[in-house]
PDB file of N, CA and C in Angstrom:
ATOM      1  N   MET A   1     -16.109   3.585  -9.290  1.00  0.00           N
ATOM      2  CA  MET A   1     -15.731   2.425  -9.455  1.00  0.00           C
ATOM      3  C   MET A   1     -13.903   3.134 -10.243  1.00  0.00           C
ATOM      4  N   ALA A   2     -13.193   1.677  -9.757  1.00  0.00           N
ATOM      5  CA  ALA A   2     -11.839   1.929 -10.685  1.00  0.00           C
ATOM      6  C   ALA A   2     -11.852   1.971 -12.053  1.00  0.00           C
ATOM      7  N   LYS A   3     -11.592   2.550 -12.730  1.00  0.00           N
ATOM      8  CA  LYS A   3     -11.403   2.170 -14.243  1.00  0.00           C
ATOM      9  C   LYS A   3     -11.471   1.253 -14.711  1.00  0.00           C
ATOM     10  N   SER A   4     -10.411  -0.058 -14.360  1.00  0.00           N
ATOM     11  CA  SER A   4     -10.464  -0.806 -14.973  1.00  0.00           C
ATOM     12  C   SER A   4     -10.834  -2.110 -14.260  1.00  0.00           C
ATOM     13  N   LEU A   5     -11.238  -1.634 -12.799  1.00  0.00           N
ATOM     14  CA  LEU A   5     -11.771  -3.263 -12.028  1.00  0.00           C
ATOM     15  C   LEU A   5     -13.156  -2.754 -11.840  1.00  0.00           C
ATOM     16  N   ASN A   6     -13.828  -4.049 -11.428  1.00  0.00           N
ATOM     17  CA  ASN A   6     -15.172  -3.675 -10.978  1.00  0.00           C
ATOM     18  C   ASN A   6     -15.384  -3.712  -9.627  1.00  0.00           C
ATOM     19  N   MET A   7     -14.899  -3.065  -9.218  1.00  0.00           N
ATOM     20  CA  MET A   7     -14.978  -3.142  -7.438  1.00  0.00           C
ATOM     21  C   MET A   7     -14.478  -1.236  -7.042  1.00  0.00           C
ATOM     22  N   PRO A   8     -15.552  -1.571  -5.667  1.00  0.00           N
ATOM     23  CA  PRO A   8     -15.235   0.226  -5.277  1.00  0.00           C
ATOM     24  C   PRO A   8     -13.781   0.835  -5.053  1.00  0.00           C
ATOM     25  N   VAL A   9     -13.409   1.921  -5.368  1.00  0.00           N
ATOM     26  CA  VAL A   9     -12.207   2.162  -4.889  1.00  0.00           C
ATOM     27  C   VAL A   9     -11.551   1.898  -3.364  1.00  0.00           C
ATOM     28  N   GLY A  10     -12.452   1.853  -2.606  1.00  0.00           N
ATOM     29  CA  GLY A  10     -12.565   1.447  -1.140  1.00  0.00           C
ATOM     30  C   GLY A  10     -11.967  -0.016  -0.941  1.00  0.00           C
ATOM     31  N   GLU A  11     -12.153  -0.503  -1.682  1.00  0.00           N
ATOM     32  CA  GLU A  11     -11.877  -2.153  -1.577  1.00  0.00           C
ATOM     33  C   GLU A  11     -10.412  -2.223  -2.232  1.00  0.00           C
ATOM     34  N   ILE A  12     -10.075  -1.586  -3.296  1.00  0.00           N
ATOM     35  CA  ILE A  12      -8.728  -1.468  -3.857  1.00  0.00           C
ATOM     36  C   ILE A  12      -7.925  -1.516  -2.727  1.00  0.00           C
ATOM     37  N   TYR A  13      -7.806  -0.606  -1.826  1.00  0.00           N
ATOM     38  CA  TYR A  13      -6.554  -0.664  -1.112  1.00  0.00           C
ATOM     39  C   TYR A  13      -6.270  -2.153  -0.290  1.00  0.00           C
ATOM     40  N   ASP A  14      -7.431  -2.606   0.367  1.00  0.00           N
ATOM     41  CA  ASP A  14      -7.347  -4.305   1.053  1.00  0.00           C
ATOM     42  C   ASP A  14      -6.561  -5.353  -0.129  1.00  0.00           C
ATOM     43  N   GLU A  15      -7.099  -4.993  -1.291  1.00  0.00           N
ATOM     44  CA  GLU A  15      -6.623  -5.587  -2.630  1.00  0.00           C
ATOM     45  C   GLU A  15      -5.309  -5.557  -2.617  1.00  0.00           C
ATOM     46  N   ALA A  16      -4.907  -4.264  -2.862  1.00  0.00           N
ATOM     47  CA  ALA A  16      -3.774  -3.880  -3.077  1.00  0.00           C
ATOM     48  C   ALA A  16      -2.767  -4.228  -2.280  1.00  0.00           C
ATOM     49  N   VAL A  17      -2.957  -4.085  -0.893  1.00  0.00           N
ATOM     50  CA  VAL A  17      -1.989  -4.556   0.362  1.00  0.00           C
ATOM     51  C   VAL A  17      -2.244  -6.128   0.448  1.00  0.00           C
ATOM     52  N   GLU A  18      -3.209  -6.444   0.524  1.00  0.00           N
ATOM     53  CA  GLU A  18      -3.350  -7.979   0.324  1.00  0.00           C
ATOM     54  C   GLU A  18      -2.657  -8.949  -0.458  1.00  0.00           C
ATOM     55  N   SER A  19      -2.707  -8.308  -1.581  1.00  0.00           N
ATOM     56  CA  SER A  19      -1.681  -8.706  -2.845  1.00  0.00           C
ATOM     57  C   SER A  19      -0.307  -8.941  -2.734  1.00  0.00           C
ATOM     58  N   PHE A  20      -0.018  -7.619  -2.062  1.00  0.00           N
ATOM     59  CA  PHE A  20       1.762  -7.629  -2.223  1.00  0.00           C
ATOM     60  C   PHE A  20       2.164  -7.984  -0.641  1.00  0.00           C
ATOM     61  N   LEU A  21       1.215  -8.496   0.316  1.00  0.00           N
ATOM     62  CA  LEU A  21       1.793  -9.209   1.140  1.00  0.00           C
ATOM     63  C   LEU A  21       2.115 -10.667   1.207  1.00  0.00           C
ATOM     64  N   ILE A  22       1.510 -11.216  -0.190  1.00  0.00           N
ATOM     65  CA  ILE A  22       1.581 -12.588  -0.353  1.00  0.00           C
ATOM     66  C   ILE A  22       2.765 -12.773  -0.400  1.00  0.00           C
ATOM     67  N   ALA A  23       3.691 -11.983  -1.347  1.00  0.00           N
ATOM     68  CA  ALA A  23       4.852 -12.426  -1.276  1.00  0.00           C
ATOM     69  C   ALA A  23       6.148 -11.094  -1.532  1.00  0.00           C
ATOM     70  N   PRO A  24       5.981 -10.455   0.001  1.00  0.00           N
ATOM     71  CA  PRO A  24       6.752  -8.856   0.119  1.00  0.00           C
ATOM     72  C   PRO A  24       8.320  -9.137  -0.195  1.00  0.00           C
ATOM     73  N   SER A  25       8.624  -8.297  -0.470  1.00  0.00           N
ATOM     74  CA  SER A  25      10.030  -7.779  -0.886  1.00  0.00           C
ATOM     75  C   SER A  25      10.855  -7.649   0.428  1.00  0.00           C
ATOM     76  N   LEU A  26      11.891  -8.541   0.871  1.00  0.00           N
ATOM     77  CA  LEU A  26      12.606  -8.217   2.211  1.00  0.00           C
ATOM     78  C   LEU A  26      13.892  -6.969   1.953  1.00  0.00           C
ATOM     79  N   ASP A  27      13.365  -6.437   0.878  1.00  0.00           N
ATOM     80  CA  ASP A  27      14.836  -5.794   0.196  1.00  0.00           C
ATOM     81  C   ASP A  27      14.549  -4.419   0.817  1.00  0.00           C
ATOM     82  N   LEU A  28      14.812  -3.667   1.404  1.00  0.00           N
ATOM     83  CA  LEU A  28      14.624  -2.106   1.878  1.00  0.00           C
ATOM     84  C   LEU A  28      14.361  -1.366   0.645  1.00  0.00           C
ATOM     85  N   ASN A  29      15.325  -1.310  -0.046  1.00  0.00           N
ATOM     86  CA  ASN A  29      15.248  -0.538  -1.629  1.00  0.00           C
ATOM     87  C   ASN A  29      14.622  -0.856  -2.097  1.00  0.00           C
ATOM     88  N   ASP A  30      13.573  -1.832  -2.028  1.00  0.00           N
ATOM     89  CA  ASP A  30      12.026  -1.654  -2.688  1.00  0.00           C
ATOM     90  C   ASP A  30      10.667  -0.893  -1.911  1.00  0.00           C
ATOM     91  N   TYR A  31      11.109  -0.560  -1.165  1.00  0.00           N
ATOM     92  CA  TYR A  31       9.970  -0.061  -0.874  1.00  0.00           C
ATOM     93  C   TYR A  31      10.011   1.711  -0.572  1.00  0.00           C
ATOM     94  N   ILE A  32       9.285   2.199  -0.700  1.00  0.00           N
ATOM     95  CA  ILE A  32       8.973   3.909  -0.658  1.00  0.00           C
ATOM     96  C   ILE A  32       9.382   4.652   0.291  1.00  0.00           C
ATOM     97  N   ARG A  33      10.361   5.294   0.843  1.00  0.00           N
ATOM     98  CA  ARG A  33      10.586   5.410   2.189  1.00  0.00           C
ATOM     99  C   ARG A  33      10.100   6.931   2.371  1.00  0.00           C
ATOM    100  N   VAL A  34       9.510   7.173   3.259  1.00  0.00           N
ATOM    101  CA  VAL A  34       9.098   8.358   3.840  1.00  0.00           C
ATOM    102  C   VAL A  34      10.044   9.451   4.675  1.00  0.00           C
ATOM    103  N   GLY A  35      10.469  10.762   4.158  1.00  0.00           N
ATOM    104  CA  GLY A  35      11.273  11.051   4.396  1.00  0.00           C
ATOM    105  C   GLY A  35      11.065  11.490   6.412  1.00  0.00           C
ATOM    106  N   ARG A  36       9.858  12.137   6.322  1.00  0.00           N
ATOM    107  CA  ARG A  36       9.355  12.907   7.328  1.00  0.00           C
ATOM    108  C   ARG A  36       8.336  11.979   8.285  1.00  0.00           C
ATOM    109  N   LYS A  37       8.752  11.316   9.358  1.00  0.00           N
ATOM    110  CA  LYS A  37       7.921  10.088   9.809  1.00  0.00           C
ATOM    111  C   LYS A  37       7.626  10.794  11.338  1.00  0.00           C
ATOM    112  N   ASN A  38       7.894  11.767  12.063  1.00  0.00           N
ATOM    113  CA  ASN A  38       7.370  12.001  12.922  1.00  0.00           C
ATOM    114  C   ASN A  38       5.623  12.622  12.804  1.00  0.00           C
ATOM    115  N   ASN A  39       5.505  13.646  11.762  1.00  0.00           N
ATOM    116  CA  ASN A  39       4.012  14.308  11.708  1.00  0.00           C
ATOM    117  C   ASN A  39       3.914  14.633  10.053  1.00  0.00           C
ATOM    118  N   PRO A  40       3.477  13.321   9.434  1.00  0.00           N
ATOM    119  CA  PRO A  40       3.574  13.762   8.153  1.00  0.00           C
ATOM    120  C   PRO A  40       2.052  14.348   7.781  1.00  0.00           C
ATOM    121  N   PRO A  41       2.110  14.999   6.829  1.00  0.00           N
ATOM    122  CA  PRO A  41       0.754  15.575   6.420  1.00  0.00           C
ATOM    123  C   PRO A  41      -0.279  13.765   6.445  1.00  0.00           C
ATOM    124  N   LYS A  42      -1.345  13.981   6.912  1.00  0.00           N
ATOM    125  CA  LYS A  42      -2.126  12.557   6.851  1.00  0.00           C
ATOM    126  C   LYS A  42      -3.403  12.772   5.687  1.00  0.00           C
ATOM    127  N   VAL A  43      -3.456  11.201   4.989  1.00  0.00           N
ATOM    128  CA  VAL A  43      -4.367  11.684   4.111  1.00  0.00           C
ATOM    129  C   VAL A  43      -5.332   9.660   4.505  1.00  0.00           C
ATOM    130  N   SER A  44      -5.992   9.931   4.987  1.00  0.00           N
ATOM    131  CA  SER A  44      -6.796   8.697   5.355  1.00  0.00           C
ATOM    132  C   SER A  44      -7.688   7.667   4.780  1.00  0.00           C
ATOM    133  N   PHE A  45      -7.390   6.553   4.722  1.00  0.00           N
ATOM    134  CA  PHE A  45      -8.579   5.597   4.102  1.00  0.00           C
ATOM    135  C   PHE A  45      -8.824   4.220   4.983  1.00  0.00           C
ATOM    136  N   TRP A  46      -9.735   3.569   4.760  1.00  0.00           N
ATOM    137  CA  TRP A  46      -9.974   2.464   5.436  1.00  0.00           C
ATOM    138  C   TRP A  46      -9.629   1.428   4.833  1.00  0.00           C
ATOM    139  N   LEU A  47      -8.883   0.534   6.078  1.00  0.00           N
ATOM    140  CA  LEU A  47      -8.190  -0.485   5.291  1.00  0.00           C
ATOM    141  C   LEU A  47      -8.790  -1.601   6.405  1.00  0.00           C
ATOM    142  N   ASP A  48      -8.981  -2.947   6.166  1.00  0.00           N
ATOM    143  CA  ASP A  48      -9.154  -3.795   6.700  1.00  0.00           C
ATOM    144  C   ASP A  48      -8.614  -4.411   7.922  1.00  0.00           C
ATOM    145  N   VAL A  49      -8.434  -4.166   9.214  1.00  0.00           N
ATOM    146  CA  VAL A  49      -7.788  -4.457  10.319  1.00  0.00           C
ATOM    147  C   VAL A  49      -6.561  -5.402  10.192  1.00  0.00           C
ATOM    148  N   ARG A  50      -7.356  -6.748   9.735  1.00  0.00           N
ATOM    149  CA  ARG A  50      -6.512  -8.025   9.486  1.00  0.00           C
ATOM    150  C   ARG A  50      -5.328  -7.494   8.479  1.00  0.00           C
ATOM    151  N   VAL A  51      -5.609  -6.588   7.613  1.00  0.00           N
ATOM    152  CA  VAL A  51      -4.648  -6.655   6.273  1.00  0.00           C
ATOM    153  C   VAL A  51      -3.624  -5.591   7.036  1.00  0.00           C
ATOM    154  N   SER A  52      -4.153  -4.906   7.850  1.00  0.00           N
ATOM    155  CA  SER A  52      -3.164  -3.326   8.280  1.00  0.00           C
ATOM    156  C   SER A  52      -2.169  -4.198   9.564  1.00  0.00           C
ATOM    157  N   ASN A  53      -2.865  -5.252  10.225  1.00  0.00           N
ATOM    158  CA  ASN A  53      -1.945  -5.770  11.235  1.00  0.00           C
ATOM    159  C   ASN A  53      -0.795  -6.656  10.788  1.00  0.00           C
ATOM    160  N   LYS A  54      -1.352  -7.165   9.409  1.00  0.00           N
ATOM    161  CA  LYS A  54      -0.083  -7.748   8.563  1.00  0.00           C
ATOM    162  C   LYS A  54       1.061  -6.468   7.936  1.00  0.00           C
ATOM    163  N   ALA A  55       0.564  -5.896   7.623  1.00  0.00           N
ATOM    164  CA  ALA A  55       1.342  -4.614   7.154  1.00  0.00           C
ATOM    165  C   ALA A  55       2.326  -4.451   8.322  1.00  0.00           C
ATOM    166  N   GLN A  56       1.626  -4.085   9.814  1.00  0.00           N
ATOM    167  CA  GLN A  56       2.442  -3.864  10.883  1.00  0.00           C
ATOM    168  C   GLN A  56       3.333  -4.546  10.887  1.00  0.00           C
ATOM    169  N   THR A  57       3.240  -5.786  10.762  1.00  0.00           N
ATOM    170  CA  THR A  57       3.769  -6.880  11.193  1.00  0.00           C
ATOM    171  C   THR A  57       5.176  -7.030  10.625  1.00  0.00           C
ATOM    172  N   LEU A  58       4.920  -6.653   8.909  1.00  0.00           N
ATOM    173  CA  LEU A  58       6.031  -6.785   8.230  1.00  0.00           C
ATOM    174  C   LEU A  58       6.817  -5.467   8.376  1.00  0.00           C
ATOM    175  N   ALA A  59       6.379  -4.132   8.599  1.00  0.00           N
ATOM    176  CA  ALA A  59       6.710  -3.098   9.023  1.00  0.00           C
ATOM    177  C   ALA A  59       8.073  -3.099   9.948  1.00  0.00           C
ATOM    178  N   GLU A  60       7.302  -3.916  10.840  1.00  0.00           N
ATOM    179  CA  GLU A  60       8.392  -4.461  12.064  1.00  0.00           C
ATOM    180  C   GLU A  60       9.202  -4.952  11.832  1.00  0.00           C
ATOM    181  N   LEU A  61       9.415  -5.925  11.094  1.00  0.00           N
ATOM    182  CA  LEU A  61      10.062  -6.683  10.837  1.00  0.00           C
ATOM    183  C   LEU A  61      11.418  -6.532  10.076  1.00  0.00           C
ATOM    184  N   LEU A  62      10.859  -5.299   8.847  1.00  0.00           N
ATOM    185  CA  LEU A  62      11.659  -4.539   8.282  1.00  0.00           C
ATOM    186  C   LEU A  62      12.803  -3.376   8.769  1.00  0.00           C
ATOM    187  N   GLY A  63      12.192  -2.739  10.119  1.00  0.00           N
ATOM    188  CA  GLY A  63      12.112  -1.492  10.425  1.00  0.00           C
ATOM    189  C   GLY A  63      11.916  -0.623  10.012  1.00  0.00           C
ATOM    190  N   ILE A  64      10.752  -0.664   9.475  1.00  0.00           N
ATOM    191  CA  ILE A  64      10.720   0.916   8.491  1.00  0.00           C
ATOM    192  C   ILE A  64       8.743   1.083   8.915  1.00  0.00           C
ATOM    193  N   THR A  65       7.918   1.962   8.708  1.00  0.00           N
ATOM    194  CA  THR A  65       6.531   2.217   8.984  1.00  0.00           C
ATOM    195  C   THR A  65       5.784   1.542   8.635  1.00  0.00           C
ATOM    196  N   GLU A  66       4.678   1.431   9.065  1.00  0.00           N
ATOM    197  CA  GLU A  66       3.400   0.871   8.230  1.00  0.00           C
ATOM    198  C   GLU A  66       2.874   1.612   7.314  1.00  0.00           C
ATOM    199  N   HIS A  67       3.299   2.746   7.557  1.00  0.00           N
ATOM    200  CA  HIS A  67       2.914   3.795   6.209  1.00  0.00           C
ATOM    201  C   HIS A  67       3.580   3.498   5.082  1.00  0.00           C
ATOM    202  N   GLU A  68       4.793   3.027   5.261  1.00  0.00           N
ATOM    203  CA  GLU A  68       6.253   2.934   3.747  1.00  0.00           C
ATOM    204  C   GLU A  68       5.345   1.477   3.120  1.00  0.00           C
ATOM    205  N   VAL A  69       5.103   0.478   3.934  1.00  0.00           N
ATOM    206  CA  VAL A  69       4.365  -0.620   3.460  1.00  0.00           C
ATOM    207  C   VAL A  69       3.076  -0.189   2.770  1.00  0.00           C
ATOM    208  N   LEU A  70       2.270   0.236   3.308  1.00  0.00           N
ATOM    209  CA  LEU A  70       0.949   0.767   2.437  1.00  0.00           C
ATOM    210  C   LEU A  70       1.490   1.203   1.123  1.00  0.00           C
ATOM    211  N   LEU A  71       1.810   2.481   1.190  1.00  0.00           N
ATOM    212  CA  LEU A  71       2.315   3.435   0.408  1.00  0.00           C
ATOM    213  C   LEU A  71       2.973   2.342  -0.825  1.00  0.00           C
ATOM    214  N   THR A  72       4.229   1.618  -0.589  1.00  0.00           N
ATOM    215  CA  THR A  72       4.863   0.659  -1.377  1.00  0.00           C
ATOM    216  C   THR A  72       3.858  -0.097  -2.290  1.00  0.00           C
ATOM    217  N   ALA A  73       2.915  -0.846  -1.146  1.00  0.00           N
ATOM    218  CA  ALA A  73       2.096  -1.951  -2.117  1.00  0.00           C
ATOM    219  C   ALA A  73       0.806  -1.456  -2.315  1.00  0.00           C
ATOM    220  N   ILE A  74       0.461   0.295  -2.546  1.00  0.00           N
ATOM    221  CA  ILE A  74      -1.006   0.441  -3.204  1.00  0.00           C
ATOM    222  C   ILE A  74       0.065   1.060  -4.511  1.00  0.00           C
ATOM    223  N   ILE A  75       0.939   1.559  -5.098  1.00  0.00           N
ATOM    224  CA  ILE A  75       1.575   1.813  -5.723  1.00  0.00           C
ATOM    225  C   ILE A  75       2.022   1.179  -6.863  1.00  0.00           C
ATOM    226  N   ALA A  76       2.522  -0.310  -6.239  1.00  0.00           N
ATOM    227  CA  ALA A  76       2.669  -1.581  -6.989  1.00  0.00           C
ATOM    228  C   ALA A  76       1.548  -1.891  -7.615  1.00  0.00           C
ATOM    229  N   TYR A  77       0.341  -2.222  -6.958  1.00  0.00           N
ATOM    230  CA  TYR A  77      -0.733  -2.025  -7.546  1.00  0.00           C
ATOM    231  C   TYR A  77      -1.492  -1.385  -8.675  1.00  0.00           C
ATOM    232  N   ALA A  78      -0.827  -0.144  -8.314  1.00  0.00           N
ATOM    233  CA  ALA A  78      -1.576   1.228  -9.308  1.00  0.00           C
ATOM    234  C   ALA A  78      -0.666   0.329 -10.762  1.00  0.00           C
ATOM    235  N   LYS A  79       0.528   0.453 -10.481  1.00  0.00           N
ATOM    236  CA  LYS A  79       1.330   0.140 -11.722  1.00  0.00           C
ATOM    237  C   LYS A  79       1.324  -1.314 -12.333  1.00  0.00           C
ATOM    238  N   LYS A  80       0.547  -2.071 -11.741  1.00  0.00           N
ATOM    239  CA  LYS A  80       0.628  -3.330 -12.341  1.00  0.00           C
ATOM    240  C   LYS A  80      -1.222  -3.460 -13.065  1.00  0.00           C
ATOM    241  N   HIS A  81      -1.693  -2.695 -12.621  1.00  0.00           N
ATOM    242  CA  HIS A  81      -3.283  -2.441 -13.025  1.00  0.00           C
ATOM    243  C   HIS A  81      -2.970  -1.459 -13.988  1.00  0.00           C
ATOM    244  N   LYS A  82      -2.126  -0.490 -14.408  1.00  0.00           N
ATOM    245  CA  LYS A  82      -1.896   0.427 -15.290  1.00  0.00           C
ATOM    246  C   LYS A  82      -2.616   1.694 -14.611  1.00  0.00           C
ATOM    247  N   PHE A  83      -2.807   1.740 -13.181  1.00  0.00           N
ATOM    248  CA  PHE A  83      -3.585   2.854 -12.849  1.00  0.00           C
ATOM    249  C   PHE A  83      -2.641   4.378 -12.741  1.00  0.00           C
ATOM    250  N   ASP A  84      -1.369   4.355 -12.998  1.00  0.00           N
ATOM    251  CA  ASP A  84      -0.698   5.437 -13.083  1.00  0.00           C
ATOM    252  C   ASP A  84      -0.654   5.758 -14.180  1.00  0.00           C
ATOM    253  N   ARG A  85      -1.548   5.111 -15.438  1.00  0.00           N
ATOM    254  CA  ARG A  85      -1.947   5.790 -16.580  1.00  0.00           C
ATOM    255  C   ARG A  85      -3.087   6.424 -16.843  1.00  0.00           C
ATOM    256  N   VAL A  86      -4.039   6.374 -15.984  1.00  0.00           N
ATOM    257  CA  VAL A  86      -5.091   7.041 -16.013  1.00  0.00           C
ATOM    258  C   VAL A  86      -5.184   8.351 -15.982  1.00  0.00           C
ATOM    259  N   ARG A  87      -6.052   8.848 -16.920  1.00  0.00           N
ATOM    260  CA  ARG A  87      -6.286  10.484 -16.970  1.00  0.00           C
ATOM    261  C   ARG A  87      -7.693  10.340 -16.842  1.00  0.00           C
ATOM    262  N   ILE A  88      -8.033  11.290 -15.617  1.00  0.00           N
ATOM    263  CA  ILE A  88      -9.402  11.688 -15.175  1.00  0.00           C
ATOM    264  C   ILE A  88      -9.857  13.109 -15.710  1.00  0.00           C
TER     265      ILE A  88
END
């Protein structure tokens, strides 16, 4: 479970991306850019297909990758809930 929320870590990804997609920034400067788009190292996690589709639609609108939308959403969520300060 996440340190400060009562939900399995896997569900946090859906929650993070869904909450971000409610009012996403349309300013490309707000997104974390991934320099190597051809074949970046992969870390996999499960994401609800509907959430993934919404993230992909936003990515296409902005001309960035879905990965960049997801990364930005997850980092924003971590900062909002102060997960970036958790020490394990």
